[in-house]
Every structure is written in C-alpha cells, then in structure tokens.
Amino acid sequence: MNAPGTAAPHVLPQGEPIIRMTGVEKWYGKFKVLSDINLSVQPGERIVVCGPSGSGKSTLIRCINRLETVQKGRIVVDGIDLTAARRNVDAVRREVGMVFQQFNLFPHLTILQNCTLAPMRSRGLSQQEAEEIAMKYLTRVRIPEQAGKYPSQLSGGQQQRVAIARALCMTPKIMLFDEPTSALDPEMVKEVLDTMISLAEEGMTMLCVTHEMGFARSVADRVMFMADGRIVEEAPPREFFGNPRHEKTRNFLGQILSSHQPAA
C-alpha cells in the first residue's frame, strides 16, 4: 500500500534505462557548459563522474533532478520526461536523492527534524511514520545517537552522513552525489565513503561526482571523464585507469593520481 499522498510507484519496462540524456546542451549566458551530452544509466548502475574544475560535472548531475534547466535535448528519469512539463519535476525529485558538497542541513532543526521534514511534506507521512524511517536511516549511517542534536554540534563527516540519511528518508530510486567529500577534513572522508560503498553494495543507482579515485576503482561500474562540457571518455574502472584512450584523460589521471601519492 502506498503512503498517504503518494502515487503508485512507476515501473520501468524491462531493460529500460532509469536515466537517459539525449543531445543535452546548456548555456550560462554565452558560455556553453554542457555540449551534446548523451548518457544512459541502467537501474542499479554506479557511475563515477570525474574531470577538471569547470568541466560541467556538477551541472550534469544537477540537470538530472532539474536543479539546472537545459536549453536543448531531452532528459528522461524513471520513465518521466523532465524536459516535457514542469509538473514532472516534483515527480522526479521524489525519486532522486541529492547529496551536496556543502551539507545544506537546516541549522535551526535537529538532526531528526532535518530527516523528517521532506517525507512529511512531500510523501504525506505522519510524524511517527517519518520519525521511524528517519531513525532507520540514521542507524543505517551509524549515527542514531545524534538524532536530538543540531547540525552545528556534529563534525563535518557526521553532517554529511546526516545529509545522506536525509536523502534516503525519501526512499529514492537514484542517489546523486556532488563531490560529497571535498569539504571534509581527510580523516572524515573515509566514514562518508564507507557509507556510500555500503549503499552501492545494496544496489542503489548512483551517480557520483568525485576525485576519490580509490572509490571509483572499487565501486563504479563505469567511470566518466568530462572536459570542456563534454563526456570525453567512459569505461569500466579497469579499462579507464589501465588504458585511458584520450590524451586529456591521461593528463588528468596523471595529475590527480600523483597528487594522492603518500609522501616519501
């Protein structure tokens, strides 16, 4: 039975991509930030998107839940055409969780209240139902004891895990991560990556913009490299890291992998 105020879950035809972007282009004024993006993601697939700053990575994933609009092309998410009608946006956002670089928690709400707000408003759950789900996911990210605290009382790593739990409370089919560890101190990165790895192991469809190449090697089904607003190269991790085809990919990997080498 569906929760009050929610529609029946959408079921994709067998083999249909859960995300399809076709000929997508986007400008900021005269600057073209995305150029001829074609991307197909199957349910349960884990995609890591990497590339230099300004390559369009974050803009690409923000288009998937219409945080950014596009000027050309078509985006279909879970069988719903995002570019067809404004009313489709809310339907898609209910199925797509987003975790940002900055945690974007409400500072005046407790951790529990941060997690229950959207399920109560968007899915029509009672406070008790929403709190039960929130505690389930706070336990899932290993911080149920922080439920009564405020964001300022938590470490950066804990706040990012709350942000992940908050997104999961909407029971999304897709999770988008926009550089979720880049604002964290190094010692906090592992706890967030461990949470994301466990999600991946459970079969969550994931797109993650990150420079954490160890995560890409161990978790991704495909790694995509972007430069100048284009998808330059994509391949399974073994092929992507072992035999990159494009010169820009090789240069990027050379720089980022050398910068992560431990000091002698």
Protein backbone atom coordinates (compact mmCIF):
# COMPACT_ATOMS: atom_id res chain seq x y z
CA MET A 1 0.00 0.00 0.00
CA ASN A 2 1.33 3.48 -0.84
CA ALA A 3 1.96 6.12 1.81
CA PRO A 4 -0.74 8.81 2.04
CA GLY A 5 -0.42 11.44 -0.66
CA THR A 6 1.87 9.40 -2.90
CA ALA A 7 1.23 7.97 -6.34
CA ALA A 8 1.69 4.33 -7.23
CA PRO A 9 5.36 3.56 -7.90
CA HIS A 10 6.41 3.82 -11.53
CA VAL A 11 7.68 0.58 -13.06
CA LEU A 12 10.16 0.78 -15.92
CA PRO A 13 9.88 -1.62 -18.84
CA GLN A 14 12.45 -4.41 -18.69
CA GLY A 15 15.85 -3.18 -19.87
CA GLU A 16 14.82 0.48 -20.00
CA PRO A 17 17.43 2.94 -18.65
CA ILE A 18 16.46 4.69 -15.43
CA ILE A 19 18.25 7.81 -16.69
CA ARG A 20 18.57 8.84 -20.32
CA MET A 21 20.07 12.11 -21.52
CA THR A 22 19.95 12.74 -25.26
CA GLY A 23 21.63 15.64 -27.03
CA VAL A 24 21.63 17.77 -23.87
CA GLU A 25 23.14 21.23 -24.10
CA LYS A 26 23.23 24.06 -21.58
CA TRP A 27 24.48 27.64 -21.58
CA TYR A 28 25.14 30.18 -18.86
CA GLY A 29 24.69 33.31 -20.94
CA LYS A 30 27.14 32.90 -23.82
CA PHE A 31 29.16 30.22 -22.04
CA LYS A 32 28.29 26.67 -23.12
CA VAL A 33 28.68 24.49 -20.04
CA LEU A 34 27.27 21.24 -21.48
CA SER A 35 27.66 20.17 -25.10
CA ASP A 36 25.90 17.20 -26.76
CA ILE A 37 25.59 15.07 -23.62
CA ASN A 38 24.35 11.55 -24.31
CA LEU A 39 24.13 9.29 -21.28
CA SER A 40 22.21 6.12 -20.44
CA VAL A 41 22.17 4.64 -16.92
CA GLN A 42 20.60 1.29 -16.07
CA PRO A 43 18.84 0.64 -12.73
CA GLY A 44 21.41 -0.32 -10.09
CA GLU A 45 24.35 1.04 -12.09
CA ARG A 46 27.05 3.03 -10.29
CA ILE A 47 28.65 5.84 -12.28
CA VAL A 48 31.56 7.99 -11.14
CA VAL A 49 31.99 11.30 -12.97
CA CYS A 50 35.41 12.96 -12.81
CA GLY A 51 37.24 15.75 -14.58
CA PRO A 52 38.92 19.10 -14.00
CA SER A 53 37.20 22.03 -12.33
CA GLY A 54 34.77 23.75 -14.69
CA SER A 55 34.28 20.71 -16.92
CA GLY A 56 30.50 20.55 -16.34
CA LYS A 57 30.37 17.58 -13.94
CA SER A 58 28.21 19.15 -11.24
CA THR A 59 25.96 20.84 -13.80
CA LEU A 60 25.36 17.48 -15.49
CA ILE A 61 24.08 15.73 -12.37
CA ARG A 62 22.11 18.80 -11.25
CA CYS A 63 20.21 18.58 -14.55
CA ILE A 64 19.02 15.09 -13.61
CA ASN A 65 16.69 16.47 -10.93
CA ARG A 66 16.09 19.82 -12.68
CA LEU A 67 18.15 21.91 -10.28
CA GLU A 68 19.51 23.17 -13.60
CA THR A 69 17.41 23.58 -16.72
CA VAL A 70 18.74 22.82 -20.20
CA GLN A 71 18.28 24.73 -23.43
CA LYS A 72 18.44 21.73 -25.73
CA GLY A 73 17.99 17.98 -25.59
CA ARG A 74 15.88 15.54 -23.60
CA ILE A 75 16.22 14.08 -20.11
CA VAL A 76 14.08 11.11 -19.06
CA VAL A 77 14.34 9.90 -15.44
CA ASP A 78 12.48 6.79 -14.27
CA GLY A 79 10.31 6.95 -17.37
CA ILE A 80 9.34 10.61 -16.77
CA ASP A 81 10.35 13.26 -19.30
CA LEU A 82 11.89 16.09 -17.27
CA THR A 83 12.04 18.39 -20.25
CA ALA A 84 8.39 17.94 -21.25
CA ALA A 85 6.44 19.66 -18.47
CA ARG A 86 7.10 21.49 -15.22
CA ARG A 87 4.69 19.22 -13.32
CA ASN A 88 7.05 16.31 -13.98
CA VAL A 89 9.80 17.91 -11.90
CA ASP A 90 8.26 17.17 -8.49
CA ALA A 91 7.53 13.58 -9.53
CA VAL A 92 11.18 13.05 -10.47
CA ARG A 93 12.56 14.77 -7.38
CA ARG A 94 10.62 12.39 -5.15
CA GLU A 95 12.62 9.54 -6.68
CA VAL A 96 16.04 11.23 -6.83
CA GLY A 97 18.08 11.90 -3.69
CA MET A 98 20.83 14.52 -3.80
CA VAL A 99 23.84 14.98 -1.53
CA PHE A 100 25.77 18.21 -1.96
CA GLN A 101 29.34 19.31 -1.37
CA GLN A 102 28.10 21.54 1.45
CA PHE A 103 25.77 19.64 3.74
CA ASN A 104 22.77 22.01 3.32
CA LEU A 105 21.20 20.98 6.63
CA PHE A 106 18.75 23.35 8.31
CA PRO A 107 20.73 24.75 11.26
CA HIS A 108 17.64 25.55 13.35
CA LEU A 109 16.27 21.99 13.14
CA THR A 110 17.51 18.92 14.97
CA ILE A 111 19.02 16.06 13.01
CA LEU A 112 15.76 14.11 13.35
CA GLN A 113 13.71 17.10 12.17
CA ASN A 114 16.03 17.59 9.17
CA CYS A 115 15.32 14.00 8.17
CA THR A 116 11.55 14.02 8.70
CA LEU A 117 10.65 17.32 7.03
CA ALA A 118 10.58 16.17 3.39
CA PRO A 119 8.82 12.80 3.95
CA MET A 120 6.05 14.55 5.90
CA ARG A 121 5.60 17.35 3.35
CA SER A 122 6.21 15.52 0.07
CA ARG A 123 5.08 11.98 0.83
CA GLY A 124 2.35 12.82 3.33
CA LEU A 125 3.74 10.67 6.15
CA SER A 126 2.66 11.20 9.75
CA GLN A 127 5.29 12.44 12.19
CA GLN A 128 5.52 8.99 13.76
CA GLU A 129 5.98 7.28 10.38
CA ALA A 130 8.59 9.82 9.31
CA GLU A 131 10.50 9.52 12.59
CA GLU A 132 10.57 5.72 12.34
CA ILE A 133 12.04 5.97 8.82
CA ALA A 134 14.49 8.68 9.91
CA MET A 135 15.80 6.59 12.79
CA LYS A 136 16.15 3.60 10.46
CA TYR A 137 18.43 5.57 8.14
CA LEU A 138 20.31 7.40 10.91
CA THR A 139 21.07 3.93 12.25
CA ARG A 140 21.99 2.90 8.71
CA VAL A 141 24.66 5.64 8.57
CA ARG A 142 25.73 4.82 12.13
CA ILE A 143 24.71 8.00 13.97
CA PRO A 144 21.30 7.33 15.59
CA GLU A 145 22.57 8.79 18.86
CA GLN A 146 22.88 12.22 17.18
CA ALA A 147 19.14 12.50 16.38
CA GLY A 148 18.40 15.12 19.05
CA LYS A 149 21.39 17.34 18.29
CA TYR A 150 21.68 20.30 15.91
CA PRO A 151 23.98 20.32 12.86
CA SER A 152 26.48 22.69 14.49
CA GLN A 153 27.08 20.09 17.22
CA LEU A 154 28.29 17.49 14.70
CA SER A 155 31.56 17.05 12.82
CA GLY A 156 31.68 17.58 9.06
CA GLY A 157 31.73 13.84 8.42
CA GLN A 158 28.74 13.32 10.67
CA GLN A 159 26.82 16.15 8.98
CA GLN A 160 27.46 14.62 5.56
CA ARG A 161 26.20 11.26 6.81
CA VAL A 162 23.07 13.03 8.06
CA ALA A 163 22.68 14.54 4.57
CA ILE A 164 22.86 11.02 3.10
CA ALA A 165 20.33 9.72 5.65
CA ARG A 166 18.02 12.66 4.90
CA ALA A 167 18.08 11.83 1.19
CA LEU A 168 17.44 8.14 1.90
CA CYS A 169 14.39 9.01 4.02
CA MET A 170 12.58 9.81 0.76
CA THR A 171 13.28 6.20 -0.35
CA PRO A 172 14.74 7.35 -3.67
CA LYS A 173 15.48 5.11 -6.63
CA ILE A 174 18.53 7.18 -7.59
CA MET A 175 21.18 8.93 -5.49
CA LEU A 176 23.24 11.82 -6.85
CA PHE A 177 26.42 12.87 -5.05
CA ASP A 178 28.09 16.19 -5.92
CA GLU A 179 31.66 15.99 -4.57
CA PRO A 180 30.38 14.79 -1.18
CA THR A 181 33.83 14.58 0.43
CA SER A 182 35.53 17.70 -0.95
CA ALA A 183 34.54 19.91 2.01
CA LEU A 184 35.71 17.37 4.60
CA ASP A 185 38.95 17.04 6.52
CA PRO A 186 40.92 13.98 5.33
CA GLU A 187 40.16 11.97 8.45
CA MET A 188 36.43 12.38 7.86
CA VAL A 189 36.46 11.29 4.21
CA LYS A 190 36.61 7.56 4.92
CA GLU A 191 33.47 7.48 7.08
CA VAL A 192 31.43 9.11 4.30
CA LEU A 193 32.92 6.91 1.56
CA ASP A 194 32.23 3.81 3.65
CA THR A 195 28.57 4.84 3.86
CA MET A 196 28.42 5.33 0.09
CA ILE A 197 30.14 1.99 -0.54
CA SER A 198 27.54 0.18 1.56
CA LEU A 199 24.77 1.88 -0.43
CA ALA A 200 26.38 0.76 -3.66
CA GLU A 201 26.60 -2.81 -2.37
CA GLU A 202 22.83 -2.77 -1.81
CA GLY A 203 22.19 -1.98 -5.48
CA MET A 204 21.33 1.73 -5.32
CA THR A 205 21.54 3.54 -8.67
CA MET A 206 24.26 6.15 -8.08
CA LEU A 207 25.95 8.97 -9.95
CA CYS A 208 28.83 10.47 -8.03
CA VAL A 209 30.98 13.45 -8.95
CA THR A 210 34.23 12.90 -7.09
CA HIS A 211 38.01 13.00 -7.24
CA GLU A 212 38.24 9.97 -4.93
CA MET A 213 39.78 7.58 -7.45
CA GLY A 214 40.02 4.72 -4.95
CA PHE A 215 36.24 4.89 -4.60
CA ALA A 216 35.89 4.91 -8.38
CA ARG A 217 38.11 1.84 -8.74
CA SER A 218 36.31 -0.20 -6.10
CA VAL A 219 32.67 0.84 -6.56
CA ALA A 220 31.97 2.18 -10.05
CA ASP A 221 30.55 0.12 -12.89
CA ARG A 222 31.66 2.93 -15.22
CA VAL A 223 33.92 5.95 -14.84
CA MET A 224 33.16 9.00 -16.97
CA PHE A 225 35.69 11.72 -17.69
CA MET A 226 34.42 15.18 -18.61
CA ALA A 227 36.29 18.13 -20.09
CA ASP A 228 35.04 21.35 -21.66
CA GLY A 229 31.41 20.39 -21.12
CA ARG A 230 31.67 17.06 -22.94
CA ILE A 231 31.88 13.40 -21.96
CA VAL A 232 35.34 12.72 -23.35
CA GLU A 233 35.71 9.10 -22.26
CA GLU A 234 33.83 6.43 -20.31
CA ALA A 235 34.80 2.88 -19.48
CA PRO A 236 34.77 0.27 -16.71
CA PRO A 237 37.33 1.14 -13.98
CA ARG A 238 39.91 -1.46 -15.01
CA GLU A 239 39.97 -0.14 -18.57
CA PHE A 240 39.60 3.53 -17.58
CA PHE A 241 42.58 3.50 -15.23
CA GLY A 242 44.65 0.85 -17.01
CA ASN A 243 44.32 2.06 -20.59
CA PRO A 244 42.83 5.58 -20.91
CA ARG A 245 42.38 6.38 -24.58
CA HIS A 246 42.17 10.17 -24.66
CA GLU A 247 45.12 12.45 -24.01
CA LYS A 248 43.04 14.69 -21.71
CA THR A 249 42.08 11.66 -19.63
CA ARG A 250 45.70 10.55 -19.35
CA ASN A 251 46.81 14.04 -18.30
CA PHE A 252 44.05 14.32 -15.70
CA LEU A 253 44.77 10.90 -14.21
CA GLY A 254 48.49 11.63 -14.13
CA GLN A 255 47.89 14.81 -12.16
CA ILE A 256 45.27 13.51 -9.75
CA LEU A 257 46.90 10.17 -9.02
CA SER A 258 50.31 11.75 -8.41
CA SER A 259 48.72 14.32 -6.05
CA HIS A 260 47.26 11.46 -3.96
CA GLN A 261 50.56 9.60 -3.62
CA PRO A 262 51.78 9.43 0.00
CA ALA A 263 54.85 11.48 0.79
CA ALA A 264 58.11 9.54 0.87
